[in-house]
N, C-alpha and C. Protein backbone atom coordinates (compact mmCIF):
# COMPACT_ATOMS: atom_id res chain seq x y z
N MET A 1 -41.29 -1.51 -14.12
CA MET A 1 -39.70 -1.55 -13.25
C MET A 1 -39.56 -2.14 -12.48
N ARG A 2 -38.05 -3.15 -12.10
CA ARG A 2 -38.04 -3.58 -11.71
C ARG A 2 -37.27 -2.89 -10.27
N THR A 3 -37.82 -3.45 -8.73
CA THR A 3 -37.40 -2.66 -7.90
C THR A 3 -36.01 -3.28 -7.02
N LEU A 4 -35.14 -2.50 -6.76
CA LEU A 4 -34.00 -2.53 -6.53
C LEU A 4 -33.95 -2.86 -5.27
N PRO A 5 -33.11 -3.52 -5.12
CA PRO A 5 -32.90 -4.18 -3.31
C PRO A 5 -33.08 -3.01 -1.96
N SER A 6 -31.93 -2.23 -2.41
CA SER A 6 -31.71 -1.30 -1.37
C SER A 6 -32.02 -0.09 -2.01
N PRO A 7 -31.90 1.65 -1.28
CA PRO A 7 -31.62 2.31 -2.09
C PRO A 7 -29.90 2.44 -2.05
N LEU A 8 -29.06 2.10 -1.47
CA LEU A 8 -27.43 1.92 -1.62
C LEU A 8 -26.62 0.71 -1.70
N LEU A 9 -26.22 0.96 -3.13
CA LEU A 9 -25.31 -0.53 -3.31
C LEU A 9 -23.67 -0.33 -3.15
N ALA A 10 -23.55 -0.74 -1.73
CA ALA A 10 -21.96 -0.86 -1.67
C ALA A 10 -21.23 -1.78 -2.06
N VAL A 11 -20.30 -1.01 -2.62
CA VAL A 11 -19.71 -1.66 -3.68
C VAL A 11 -18.05 -1.92 -3.20
N THR A 12 -17.59 -3.28 -3.20
CA THR A 12 -16.15 -3.56 -2.91
C THR A 12 -15.18 -3.21 -3.53
N ASP A 13 -14.28 -2.53 -2.38
CA ASP A 13 -12.60 -1.97 -3.13
C ASP A 13 -11.34 -2.81 -2.04
N ARG A 14 -10.87 -3.70 -2.35
CA ARG A 14 -10.14 -3.92 -0.88
C ARG A 14 -8.27 -2.96 -1.02
N HIS A 15 -7.83 -2.52 -2.18
CA HIS A 15 -7.22 -1.74 -1.71
C HIS A 15 -7.15 -0.53 -1.07
N GLY A 16 -6.32 -0.12 -0.34
CA GLY A 16 -6.10 0.90 0.78
C GLY A 16 -6.89 0.94 1.92
N LEU A 17 -7.09 -0.97 2.54
CA LEU A 17 -7.90 -1.28 3.57
C LEU A 17 -7.11 -0.70 4.66
N SER A 18 -7.22 -0.57 5.64
CA SER A 18 -6.31 -1.49 6.86
C SER A 18 -7.31 -2.02 7.19
N ARG A 19 -7.66 -2.95 7.18
CA ARG A 19 -8.68 -3.88 7.82
C ARG A 19 -9.17 -5.05 6.69
N PRO A 20 -9.28 -6.61 6.63
CA PRO A 20 -9.33 -7.18 6.07
C PRO A 20 -10.78 -6.91 4.78
N LEU A 21 -11.25 -7.24 3.66
CA LEU A 21 -11.69 -6.90 3.02
C LEU A 21 -13.31 -7.64 3.59
N ALA A 22 -13.69 -8.50 4.05
CA ALA A 22 -14.68 -9.29 4.34
C ALA A 22 -14.75 -8.29 5.45
N ASP A 23 -14.48 -7.78 6.39
CA ASP A 23 -14.82 -7.22 7.55
C ASP A 23 -15.12 -5.67 7.39
N SER A 24 -14.65 -4.92 6.07
CA SER A 24 -15.27 -3.83 5.70
C SER A 24 -17.09 -4.19 5.66
N VAL A 25 -16.53 -5.55 4.70
CA VAL A 25 -18.37 -5.99 4.59
C VAL A 25 -18.99 -5.75 5.53
N GLN A 26 -18.65 -6.80 6.37
CA GLN A 26 -19.25 -6.91 7.65
C GLN A 26 -19.98 -5.56 8.27
N ALA A 27 -18.91 -4.67 8.45
CA ALA A 27 -19.14 -3.43 9.12
C ALA A 27 -20.13 -2.59 8.27
N VAL A 28 -19.99 -2.58 6.91
CA VAL A 28 -20.79 -2.06 5.75
C VAL A 28 -22.46 -2.54 6.49
N LEU A 29 -22.57 -3.89 6.54
CA LEU A 29 -23.77 -4.40 6.80
C LEU A 29 -24.53 -4.21 8.23
N ASP A 30 -23.39 -4.62 9.45
CA ASP A 30 -23.76 -3.58 10.59
C ASP A 30 -24.10 -2.62 10.49
N GLY A 31 -24.12 -2.02 9.52
CA GLY A 31 -24.59 -0.60 9.62
C GLY A 31 -25.57 0.15 9.07
N GLY A 32 -26.49 -1.29 8.41
CA GLY A 32 -27.57 -1.39 7.49
C GLY A 32 -27.78 -1.39 6.23
N ALA A 33 -26.39 -1.64 5.67
CA ALA A 33 -26.54 -1.57 3.81
C ALA A 33 -27.12 -3.44 4.08
N ARG A 34 -28.13 -3.29 2.57
CA ARG A 34 -28.03 -4.54 2.17
C ARG A 34 -27.79 -4.96 0.59
N TRP A 35 -27.36 -3.87 0.37
CA TRP A 35 -27.20 -4.78 -1.25
C TRP A 35 -25.41 -4.63 -1.32
N ILE A 36 -24.47 -5.69 -1.44
CA ILE A 36 -23.08 -6.10 -1.75
C ILE A 36 -23.00 -5.94 -3.10
N TRP A 37 -22.06 -5.02 -3.58
CA TRP A 37 -21.49 -5.58 -5.12
C TRP A 37 -20.17 -5.90 -5.00
N PHE A 38 -19.83 -7.02 -5.30
CA PHE A 38 -18.75 -7.72 -4.79
C PHE A 38 -17.91 -7.85 -6.27
N ARG A 39 -16.94 -6.93 -5.94
CA ARG A 39 -15.79 -6.32 -7.07
C ARG A 39 -14.52 -7.23 -7.38
N ASP A 40 -13.74 -6.09 -6.66
CA ASP A 40 -12.63 -7.09 -7.00
C ASP A 40 -12.05 -8.14 -8.21
N ARG A 41 -12.53 -7.33 -9.19
CA ARG A 41 -12.40 -8.14 -10.45
C ARG A 41 -10.67 -8.90 -10.83
N ASP A 42 -9.42 -8.11 -10.08
CA ASP A 42 -8.46 -7.99 -10.35
C ASP A 42 -7.32 -9.45 -9.83
N LEU A 43 -8.55 -10.20 -8.71
CA LEU A 43 -7.53 -11.19 -7.85
C LEU A 43 -7.27 -12.63 -8.73
N GLU A 44 -6.63 -13.38 -8.42
CA GLU A 44 -6.41 -14.77 -9.35
C GLU A 44 -7.67 -15.56 -8.64
N PRO A 45 -8.49 -16.43 -9.57
CA PRO A 45 -9.91 -16.86 -9.32
C PRO A 45 -10.04 -17.55 -8.17
N GLU A 46 -9.02 -18.26 -8.22
CA GLU A 46 -9.45 -19.07 -6.60
C GLU A 46 -9.62 -18.48 -5.49
N VAL A 47 -8.70 -17.00 -5.76
CA VAL A 47 -8.30 -16.59 -4.04
C VAL A 47 -10.04 -15.37 -4.43
N ARG A 48 -10.34 -15.31 -5.33
CA ARG A 48 -11.73 -14.60 -5.59
C ARG A 48 -12.55 -15.68 -5.07
N GLN A 49 -12.84 -16.54 -5.58
CA GLN A 49 -14.14 -17.10 -5.22
C GLN A 49 -13.90 -17.55 -3.15
N GLN A 50 -12.63 -17.46 -2.55
CA GLN A 50 -12.58 -17.48 -1.44
C GLN A 50 -12.84 -16.53 -0.93
N LEU A 51 -12.61 -15.49 -1.34
CA LEU A 51 -12.75 -14.60 -0.50
C LEU A 51 -14.91 -14.43 -0.80
N GLY A 52 -15.20 -14.04 -2.09
CA GLY A 52 -16.28 -14.08 -2.52
C GLY A 52 -17.29 -15.33 -1.34
N ALA A 53 -17.20 -16.31 -1.15
CA ALA A 53 -17.02 -17.42 -0.37
C ALA A 53 -17.86 -16.54 0.92
N ASP A 54 -16.56 -16.02 1.56
CA ASP A 54 -16.50 -15.51 2.74
C ASP A 54 -17.73 -14.43 2.80
N ILE A 55 -17.47 -13.43 1.77
CA ILE A 55 -18.35 -12.37 1.83
C ILE A 55 -19.63 -12.55 1.42
N ALA A 56 -20.53 -13.98 0.83
CA ALA A 56 -21.62 -14.20 0.73
C ALA A 56 -22.01 -14.84 2.05
N ALA A 57 -21.31 -15.40 2.18
CA ALA A 57 -21.85 -16.05 3.71
C ALA A 57 -22.27 -15.01 5.19
N ARG A 58 -21.28 -13.59 4.81
CA ARG A 58 -21.74 -12.40 5.79
C ARG A 58 -22.73 -12.25 5.24
N THR A 59 -23.06 -11.56 4.14
CA THR A 59 -24.79 -10.85 3.30
C THR A 59 -25.80 -12.33 3.43
N ARG A 60 -25.04 -13.21 3.04
CA ARG A 60 -26.56 -14.36 3.58
C ARG A 60 -27.38 -13.94 5.12
N ALA A 61 -25.83 -13.85 6.35
CA ALA A 61 -26.65 -13.92 7.22
C ALA A 61 -27.01 -12.85 7.67
N ALA A 62 -26.96 -11.86 7.14
CA ALA A 62 -27.81 -10.09 7.62
C ALA A 62 -28.90 -10.45 6.57
N GLY A 63 -29.13 -11.45 6.39
CA GLY A 63 -30.14 -11.14 5.02
C GLY A 63 -30.18 -10.18 4.00
N ALA A 64 -29.01 -9.46 3.44
CA ALA A 64 -28.56 -8.50 2.22
C ALA A 64 -28.60 -9.39 1.09
N PHE A 65 -28.54 -8.76 0.24
CA PHE A 65 -28.33 -9.32 -1.52
C PHE A 65 -26.83 -9.13 -2.12
N LEU A 66 -26.64 -10.18 -2.54
CA LEU A 66 -25.14 -10.19 -2.90
C LEU A 66 -25.34 -10.22 -4.55
N THR A 67 -24.51 -9.06 -5.34
CA THR A 67 -24.59 -9.27 -6.66
C THR A 67 -22.86 -9.63 -6.88
N VAL A 68 -22.28 -10.35 -8.10
CA VAL A 68 -21.30 -10.31 -7.94
C VAL A 68 -20.53 -9.93 -9.51
N GLY A 69 -19.78 -9.15 -9.44
CA GLY A 69 -19.44 -8.19 -10.84
C GLY A 69 -18.60 -9.14 -11.60
N GLY A 70 -19.50 -8.80 -13.13
CA GLY A 70 -18.44 -9.70 -14.01
C GLY A 70 -18.50 -10.99 -14.29
N ASP A 71 -19.20 -12.49 -13.49
CA ASP A 71 -18.56 -13.11 -13.56
C ASP A 71 -19.36 -14.40 -13.60
N VAL A 72 -20.32 -14.87 -14.57
CA VAL A 72 -21.53 -15.36 -13.95
C VAL A 72 -21.61 -16.69 -13.28
N ALA A 73 -20.38 -17.47 -13.81
CA ALA A 73 -20.09 -18.32 -13.21
C ALA A 73 -19.71 -18.65 -11.62
N LEU A 74 -18.93 -17.50 -11.52
CA LEU A 74 -18.82 -16.94 -9.61
C LEU A 74 -20.43 -17.00 -9.08
N ALA A 75 -21.26 -16.16 -9.54
CA ALA A 75 -21.66 -15.88 -8.90
C ALA A 75 -23.19 -16.79 -8.94
N ARG A 76 -23.01 -17.55 -9.83
CA ARG A 76 -23.90 -18.65 -9.31
C ARG A 76 -22.98 -19.50 -8.42
N ALA A 77 -21.70 -19.80 -8.47
CA ALA A 77 -21.39 -20.62 -7.28
C ALA A 77 -21.38 -20.39 -5.87
N LEU A 78 -21.46 -19.25 -5.87
CA LEU A 78 -21.94 -18.74 -4.03
C LEU A 78 -23.37 -18.11 -4.34
N GLY A 79 -23.56 -18.86 -5.08
CA GLY A 79 -25.26 -18.44 -4.80
C GLY A 79 -25.63 -17.27 -4.52
N ALA A 80 -25.41 -16.36 -5.58
CA ALA A 80 -25.44 -15.23 -5.23
C ALA A 80 -26.98 -14.98 -5.99
N ASP A 81 -27.47 -13.21 -5.92
CA ASP A 81 -28.84 -13.15 -5.98
C ASP A 81 -28.36 -12.77 -7.42
N GLY A 82 -27.35 -11.91 -8.18
CA GLY A 82 -27.40 -11.50 -9.27
C GLY A 82 -25.97 -11.44 -9.44
N VAL A 83 -26.22 -10.30 -10.71
CA VAL A 83 -24.63 -10.17 -11.37
C VAL A 83 -24.62 -8.71 -12.40
N HIS A 84 -22.98 -8.30 -12.23
CA HIS A 84 -22.80 -7.05 -12.29
C HIS A 84 -22.33 -6.78 -14.03
N LEU A 85 -22.44 -6.52 -15.35
CA LEU A 85 -21.79 -6.61 -16.13
C LEU A 85 -20.98 -6.42 -16.92
N GLY A 86 -20.00 -6.17 -17.23
CA GLY A 86 -19.47 -4.61 -17.57
C GLY A 86 -19.93 -4.31 -18.51
N GLY A 87 -19.23 -2.83 -19.16
CA GLY A 87 -20.40 -1.96 -20.44
C GLY A 87 -19.74 -2.83 -21.74
N GLY A 88 -20.70 -2.59 -22.27
CA GLY A 88 -21.04 -3.30 -23.82
C GLY A 88 -21.09 -4.40 -23.78
N SER A 89 -21.97 -4.61 -22.96
CA SER A 89 -22.54 -6.27 -22.49
C SER A 89 -23.70 -6.48 -23.84
N GLU A 90 -23.35 -7.58 -24.51
CA GLU A 90 -24.69 -7.37 -25.95
C GLU A 90 -26.10 -8.44 -25.55
N LEU A 91 -27.03 -8.58 -26.41
CA LEU A 91 -27.69 -8.97 -25.96
C LEU A 91 -27.39 -10.39 -25.46
N GLU A 92 -26.57 -11.17 -25.72
CA GLU A 92 -26.41 -12.29 -25.88
C GLU A 92 -25.55 -12.67 -24.66
N THR A 93 -24.96 -12.11 -24.22
CA THR A 93 -24.30 -11.51 -22.97
C THR A 93 -25.22 -11.68 -22.04
N ILE A 94 -26.25 -11.09 -21.56
CA ILE A 94 -27.06 -10.74 -20.64
C ILE A 94 -28.38 -11.73 -21.22
N ALA A 95 -28.25 -12.59 -21.86
CA ALA A 95 -29.55 -13.68 -21.67
C ALA A 95 -28.65 -14.64 -21.52
N ALA A 96 -27.40 -15.31 -21.74
CA ALA A 96 -26.69 -15.95 -21.01
C ALA A 96 -26.71 -16.22 -19.80
N ALA A 97 -26.33 -14.54 -18.87
CA ALA A 97 -26.57 -14.91 -17.58
C ALA A 97 -27.72 -15.09 -16.72
N ARG A 98 -29.41 -14.86 -18.07
CA ARG A 98 -30.62 -14.91 -17.27
C ARG A 98 -30.46 -16.34 -16.70
N ALA A 99 -30.03 -17.01 -18.36
CA ALA A 99 -30.25 -18.73 -18.51
C ALA A 99 -29.73 -19.36 -17.20
N ILE A 100 -28.35 -18.15 -16.60
CA ILE A 100 -27.58 -19.59 -16.08
C ILE A 100 -28.28 -19.16 -14.58
N LEU A 101 -28.85 -17.90 -14.30
CA LEU A 101 -28.73 -17.70 -13.14
C LEU A 101 -30.42 -17.55 -12.24
N GLY A 102 -30.89 -17.96 -13.58
CA GLY A 102 -32.45 -18.02 -13.56
C GLY A 102 -33.24 -16.95 -13.92
N PRO A 103 -34.43 -16.91 -13.83
CA PRO A 103 -35.40 -15.30 -13.84
C PRO A 103 -35.56 -14.87 -13.27
N GLY A 104 -35.17 -14.78 -11.43
CA GLY A 104 -35.06 -13.97 -10.87
C GLY A 104 -33.79 -13.55 -10.54
N ALA A 105 -33.05 -13.95 -11.31
CA ALA A 105 -31.70 -13.12 -10.61
C ALA A 105 -31.95 -11.12 -11.68
N LEU A 106 -31.16 -10.73 -10.40
CA LEU A 106 -30.91 -8.64 -10.86
C LEU A 106 -29.43 -9.00 -11.71
N ILE A 107 -29.61 -8.71 -13.30
CA ILE A 107 -28.43 -8.67 -13.90
C ILE A 107 -28.55 -6.58 -14.22
N GLY A 108 -27.29 -6.25 -13.66
CA GLY A 108 -27.23 -5.25 -14.17
C GLY A 108 -25.95 -4.87 -15.03
N VAL A 109 -25.99 -4.21 -15.22
CA VAL A 109 -24.56 -3.93 -16.39
C VAL A 109 -24.19 -2.24 -16.46
N SER A 110 -23.13 -1.62 -16.31
CA SER A 110 -22.23 -0.49 -16.28
C SER A 110 -22.53 0.16 -17.71
N THR A 111 -22.84 1.51 -17.80
CA THR A 111 -23.15 2.29 -18.72
C THR A 111 -22.66 3.56 -18.64
N HIS A 112 -22.05 4.15 -19.32
CA HIS A 112 -21.40 5.70 -19.07
C HIS A 112 -22.32 6.69 -20.19
N THR A 113 -23.32 6.59 -20.98
CA THR A 113 -24.14 7.39 -21.23
C THR A 113 -25.59 6.83 -21.48
N SER A 114 -26.61 8.10 -21.98
CA SER A 114 -28.24 7.42 -22.41
C SER A 114 -27.88 6.52 -23.18
N ALA A 115 -27.58 6.81 -24.32
CA ALA A 115 -27.57 5.91 -25.35
C ALA A 115 -26.90 4.34 -25.24
N GLU A 116 -26.21 4.03 -24.06
CA GLU A 116 -25.83 2.34 -23.55
C GLU A 116 -26.99 2.44 -23.03
N VAL A 117 -27.54 3.17 -22.15
CA VAL A 117 -28.59 2.49 -21.04
C VAL A 117 -29.86 2.03 -22.09
N GLN A 118 -30.09 3.07 -22.78
CA GLN A 118 -31.41 2.26 -23.51
C GLN A 118 -30.74 1.05 -24.30
N LYS A 119 -29.52 0.17 -24.94
CA LYS A 119 -29.47 -0.21 -25.82
C LYS A 119 -29.39 -1.48 -24.91
N VAL A 120 -28.52 -1.52 -23.66
CA VAL A 120 -29.36 -2.68 -22.76
C VAL A 120 -30.48 -2.78 -22.04
N ALA A 121 -31.33 -1.86 -22.03
CA ALA A 121 -32.35 -1.78 -21.64
C ALA A 121 -33.27 -2.47 -22.91
N THR A 122 -32.97 -2.70 -24.10
CA THR A 122 -33.66 -3.52 -25.13
C THR A 122 -32.80 -5.08 -25.33
N ALA A 123 -32.00 -4.60 -24.26
CA ALA A 123 -31.41 -6.50 -24.42
C ALA A 123 -31.72 -7.08 -23.41
N GLY A 124 -32.65 -7.09 -21.92
CA GLY A 124 -32.78 -7.23 -21.11
C GLY A 124 -32.33 -7.42 -19.89
N ALA A 125 -31.45 -5.90 -19.47
CA ALA A 125 -31.12 -5.51 -18.02
C ALA A 125 -32.22 -5.09 -17.15
N ASP A 126 -31.64 -5.56 -16.08
CA ASP A 126 -33.03 -5.27 -15.00
C ASP A 126 -32.65 -3.54 -14.77
N TYR A 127 -31.04 -3.22 -14.43
CA TYR A 127 -30.65 -1.95 -14.35
C TYR A 127 -29.45 -1.35 -14.44
N VAL A 128 -29.20 -0.67 -14.36
CA VAL A 128 -27.77 -0.35 -14.98
C VAL A 128 -27.20 1.19 -13.56
N THR A 129 -25.42 0.75 -13.56
CA THR A 129 -25.16 1.93 -12.72
C THR A 129 -24.72 3.09 -14.58
N LEU A 130 -25.09 4.09 -13.68
CA LEU A 130 -24.66 4.82 -14.81
C LEU A 130 -23.17 6.01 -14.31
N SER A 131 -22.36 5.80 -15.21
CA SER A 131 -21.29 6.44 -14.46
C SER A 131 -19.86 7.45 -15.15
N PRO A 132 -19.26 8.02 -14.69
CA PRO A 132 -19.25 8.84 -13.73
C PRO A 132 -20.42 10.00 -13.53
N ILE A 133 -20.92 9.87 -12.92
CA ILE A 133 -21.93 11.43 -12.54
C ILE A 133 -21.13 12.33 -12.16
N TYR A 134 -20.30 12.38 -11.12
CA TYR A 134 -18.94 13.62 -10.99
C TYR A 134 -17.92 12.75 -10.95
N PRO A 135 -16.73 13.63 -11.10
CA PRO A 135 -15.92 13.16 -10.70
C PRO A 135 -15.50 12.43 -9.59
N THR A 136 -14.62 11.12 -9.75
CA THR A 136 -14.30 10.51 -8.98
C THR A 136 -12.83 9.94 -8.38
N ALA A 137 -12.92 10.23 -7.33
CA ALA A 137 -11.27 10.04 -7.12
C ALA A 137 -10.45 8.35 -7.74
N SER A 138 -11.12 7.19 -7.14
CA SER A 138 -11.30 6.21 -7.97
C SER A 138 -10.26 6.01 -9.23
N LYS A 139 -11.46 7.24 -10.33
CA LYS A 139 -10.97 6.82 -11.34
C LYS A 139 -10.75 8.39 -11.76
N PRO A 140 -9.42 9.03 -11.88
CA PRO A 140 -9.29 10.54 -11.86
C PRO A 140 -9.12 10.62 -13.44
N GLY A 141 -9.94 11.25 -13.93
CA GLY A 141 -10.20 12.03 -15.36
C GLY A 141 -10.66 10.77 -16.27
N TYR A 142 -11.49 9.86 -15.75
CA TYR A 142 -12.43 9.51 -16.35
C TYR A 142 -13.73 9.68 -16.27
N GLY A 143 -13.98 10.12 -17.83
CA GLY A 143 -15.95 10.68 -17.74
C GLY A 143 -15.80 11.04 -19.08
N PRO A 144 -16.50 12.09 -19.24
CA PRO A 144 -16.72 13.40 -18.88
C PRO A 144 -17.62 12.81 -17.48
N ALA A 145 -17.93 13.53 -16.54
CA ALA A 145 -19.24 13.90 -15.43
C ALA A 145 -20.17 13.81 -15.92
N LEU A 146 -21.23 13.55 -15.33
CA LEU A 146 -22.22 13.19 -16.41
C LEU A 146 -23.30 14.47 -15.64
N GLY A 147 -23.09 14.32 -14.64
CA GLY A 147 -24.07 14.97 -13.84
C GLY A 147 -25.55 14.44 -13.65
N PRO A 148 -26.28 15.09 -12.53
CA PRO A 148 -27.84 14.66 -12.39
C PRO A 148 -28.86 15.07 -13.50
N GLU A 149 -28.40 15.59 -15.00
CA GLU A 149 -29.21 15.75 -15.82
C GLU A 149 -28.48 14.78 -16.40
N GLY A 150 -27.54 14.06 -16.30
CA GLY A 150 -26.88 12.53 -17.35
C GLY A 150 -28.22 11.57 -16.63
N ILE A 151 -28.53 11.63 -15.32
CA ILE A 151 -29.55 10.42 -14.73
C ILE A 151 -31.51 10.89 -15.04
N ALA A 152 -31.39 11.70 -15.25
CA ALA A 152 -32.47 12.24 -15.46
C ALA A 152 -32.82 11.68 -17.27
N ALA A 153 -31.50 11.87 -18.45
CA ALA A 153 -31.68 11.70 -19.03
C ALA A 153 -31.74 10.22 -19.63
N SER A 154 -31.43 9.53 -18.53
CA SER A 154 -31.36 8.21 -18.80
C SER A 154 -32.24 7.00 -18.51
N LEU A 155 -33.35 8.23 -18.18
CA LEU A 155 -34.23 7.08 -17.55
C LEU A 155 -35.69 7.04 -18.52
N ARG A 156 -35.15 7.68 -19.94
CA ARG A 156 -36.68 7.29 -21.07
C ARG A 156 -36.06 6.34 -20.85
N ALA A 157 -35.16 5.61 -20.78
CA ALA A 157 -34.74 3.51 -21.14
C ALA A 157 -36.29 3.16 -20.24
N GLY A 158 -36.26 3.24 -18.86
CA GLY A 158 -37.21 2.48 -18.43
C GLY A 158 -36.73 1.50 -17.33
N LEU A 159 -35.50 2.34 -17.24
CA LEU A 159 -34.90 0.85 -16.36
C LEU A 159 -34.35 2.21 -15.41
N PRO A 160 -34.30 1.28 -13.60
CA PRO A 160 -33.84 1.49 -12.93
C PRO A 160 -32.00 2.28 -12.39
N VAL A 161 -31.65 3.46 -12.78
CA VAL A 161 -30.63 4.09 -12.85
C VAL A 161 -29.71 4.18 -11.47
N VAL A 162 -28.95 3.32 -11.28
CA VAL A 162 -27.55 3.26 -9.86
C VAL A 162 -26.77 4.37 -10.23
N ALA A 163 -26.93 5.49 -9.71
CA ALA A 163 -25.64 6.26 -9.42
C ALA A 163 -24.57 6.29 -9.25
N LEU A 164 -23.37 6.42 -9.82
CA LEU A 164 -21.90 6.12 -9.43
C LEU A 164 -20.86 6.73 -10.19
N GLY A 165 -20.29 7.22 -9.25
CA GLY A 165 -19.21 7.64 -9.37
C GLY A 165 -18.60 9.24 -8.85
N GLY A 166 -18.43 9.16 -7.30
CA GLY A 166 -18.27 10.63 -6.58
C GLY A 166 -19.25 11.33 -6.52
N VAL A 167 -20.18 10.29 -6.10
CA VAL A 167 -21.47 10.40 -5.32
C VAL A 167 -21.50 10.82 -3.27
N THR A 168 -21.22 11.85 -2.80
CA THR A 168 -21.07 12.37 -1.48
C THR A 168 -22.67 11.92 -1.04
N ILE A 169 -22.91 12.13 0.45
CA ILE A 169 -23.41 11.91 1.38
C ILE A 169 -24.37 13.69 0.76
N ASP A 170 -23.49 14.80 0.48
CA ASP A 170 -24.04 16.19 0.21
C ASP A 170 -25.02 16.02 -1.19
N ARG A 171 -24.68 15.55 -2.11
CA ARG A 171 -24.80 15.25 -3.52
C ARG A 171 -26.03 13.86 -3.84
N ILE A 172 -26.15 13.44 -2.40
CA ILE A 172 -27.47 12.12 -2.73
C ILE A 172 -28.70 13.48 -3.14
N PRO A 173 -29.32 14.15 -2.92
CA PRO A 173 -30.90 14.52 -2.87
C PRO A 173 -30.57 15.42 -4.51
N GLU A 174 -29.59 15.36 -4.80
CA GLU A 174 -30.01 15.68 -6.49
C GLU A 174 -29.98 14.73 -6.83
N CYS A 175 -29.02 13.46 -6.85
CA CYS A 175 -28.97 12.70 -7.69
C CYS A 175 -30.25 11.97 -7.54
N ARG A 176 -31.55 12.05 -6.13
CA ARG A 176 -32.51 11.48 -6.43
C ARG A 176 -33.42 12.27 -7.14
N ASP A 177 -33.10 13.33 -6.58
CA ASP A 177 -34.63 14.51 -7.30
C ASP A 177 -34.45 14.22 -8.73
N ALA A 178 -33.11 13.78 -9.54
CA ALA A 178 -33.00 13.50 -10.89
C ALA A 178 -33.53 12.29 -11.24
N GLY A 179 -33.88 11.42 -10.42
CA GLY A 179 -34.45 10.29 -10.86
C GLY A 179 -33.87 8.82 -10.19
N ALA A 180 -32.48 8.80 -9.91
CA ALA A 180 -31.77 7.71 -9.76
C ALA A 180 -32.48 6.78 -8.49
N ALA A 181 -32.64 5.55 -8.82
CA ALA A 181 -33.35 4.75 -7.87
C ALA A 181 -32.54 3.85 -6.69
N CYS A 182 -31.14 4.72 -6.77
CA CYS A 182 -30.40 3.65 -6.10
C CYS A 182 -28.67 4.82 -5.71
N ILE A 183 -27.81 4.73 -5.23
CA ILE A 183 -26.36 5.61 -5.10
C ILE A 183 -25.37 4.31 -5.09
N ALA A 184 -24.31 4.30 -6.04
CA ALA A 184 -23.56 3.10 -5.29
C ALA A 184 -22.35 3.82 -4.86
N VAL A 185 -21.56 3.42 -4.28
CA VAL A 185 -20.72 4.36 -3.21
C VAL A 185 -19.75 2.78 -2.87
N MET A 186 -18.16 3.49 -3.25
CA MET A 186 -17.24 2.99 -3.01
C MET A 186 -16.53 2.84 -1.74
N GLY A 187 -15.69 3.63 -2.28
CA GLY A 187 -14.32 4.62 -1.41
C GLY A 187 -15.22 4.98 0.25
N GLY A 188 -16.38 5.73 -0.31
CA GLY A 188 -16.87 6.61 1.01
C GLY A 188 -17.32 5.36 1.88
N LEU A 189 -17.36 4.13 1.92
CA LEU A 189 -17.72 3.25 3.10
C LEU A 189 -16.59 2.41 2.78
N MET A 190 -16.07 2.04 1.66
CA MET A 190 -14.63 0.67 1.68
C MET A 190 -14.23 1.49 2.54
N ARG A 191 -12.97 2.79 2.55
CA ARG A 191 -11.89 3.44 2.94
C ARG A 191 -12.61 4.50 3.76
N ALA A 192 -13.89 4.37 4.39
CA ALA A 192 -14.24 4.76 6.14
C ALA A 192 -13.66 4.59 6.81
N ALA A 193 -13.20 5.53 8.57
CA ALA A 193 -12.58 4.94 9.12
C ALA A 193 -13.31 4.07 9.99
N ASP A 194 -15.11 4.46 9.56
CA ASP A 194 -15.30 3.40 10.79
C ASP A 194 -17.03 3.24 9.54
N PRO A 195 -16.68 1.94 8.96
CA PRO A 195 -18.12 1.93 7.39
C PRO A 195 -19.54 1.80 8.52
N ALA A 196 -19.49 1.34 9.32
CA ALA A 196 -21.29 1.16 9.70
C ALA A 196 -21.37 2.32 10.03
N THR A 197 -20.67 3.45 10.33
CA THR A 197 -21.51 4.50 10.95
C THR A 197 -21.91 5.67 9.46
N ALA A 198 -20.78 5.13 8.73
CA ALA A 198 -20.95 5.52 7.07
C ALA A 198 -21.64 5.13 6.43
N ALA A 199 -22.15 4.01 6.11
CA ALA A 199 -23.65 2.97 5.77
C ALA A 199 -24.75 3.66 6.56
N ARG A 200 -25.29 4.24 7.50
CA ARG A 200 -26.29 4.62 8.49
C ARG A 200 -26.08 5.84 7.56
N ALA A 201 -25.33 6.64 7.68
CA ALA A 201 -25.45 7.91 7.07
C ALA A 201 -26.19 8.20 5.69
N PHE A 202 -25.45 7.34 4.77
CA PHE A 202 -25.41 7.53 3.77
C PHE A 202 -26.65 6.70 3.61
N LEU A 203 -27.51 5.64 4.16
CA LEU A 203 -28.97 5.09 4.24
C LEU A 203 -29.65 6.53 4.97
N THR A 204 -29.57 7.11 5.31
CA THR A 204 -30.13 8.22 6.17
C THR A 204 -30.39 9.25 5.17
N ALA A 205 -29.34 9.64 4.28
CA ALA A 205 -29.35 10.89 3.42
C ALA A 205 -30.75 10.60 1.80
N CYS A 206 -30.90 9.00 1.97
CA CYS A 206 -31.40 8.51 1.21
C CYS A 206 -32.55 8.34 1.54
N ALA A 207 -33.13 8.45 2.20
CA ALA A 207 -34.08 8.24 2.88
C ALA A 207 -34.92 9.67 3.75
N ALA A 208 -34.02 10.29 3.22
CA ALA A 208 -34.18 11.74 3.62
C ALA A 208 -35.17 12.11 2.53
């Protein structure tokens, strides 16, 4: 089983921020986060590439790990460390990403059931995000919430599971106890009044 870069995956989301997204990413990095998932897939390609280049430069300067959401070509252009593919990605999609980014790239896939986890494990993914673990403000009504039991059931596939969706600091222990290798956080970091302090708090909880 591949070791993940960090017990905390910081997921970008520029919506509702009072500061530029790159500044929020910088603050999270300053707080100790070492794995950034550049999401924001609704941007125009050129704008996304420009923003991604800024985030990639900040991530590299911090010695952190960058994953790009859903765009293998952009991940390659930015020199990212990996790509995160959408749910339902097939063997061919995962294999193509591996061929383009190289054997060392970290390839993740979004999943929502233990059966999906098993499928992408067979197809060659390195890890999965499993969501939603809890009801989430970013996607209300999206579910059902899987709970820690969903994490435990997904471990049979032999892949590291990243718990995503509604994971607050107080819920981290039960996710880790259930076997989650990592916790993914978006709003709790991006929209925090002080993202650096929030990152430290999440990392402390992950290490407890």
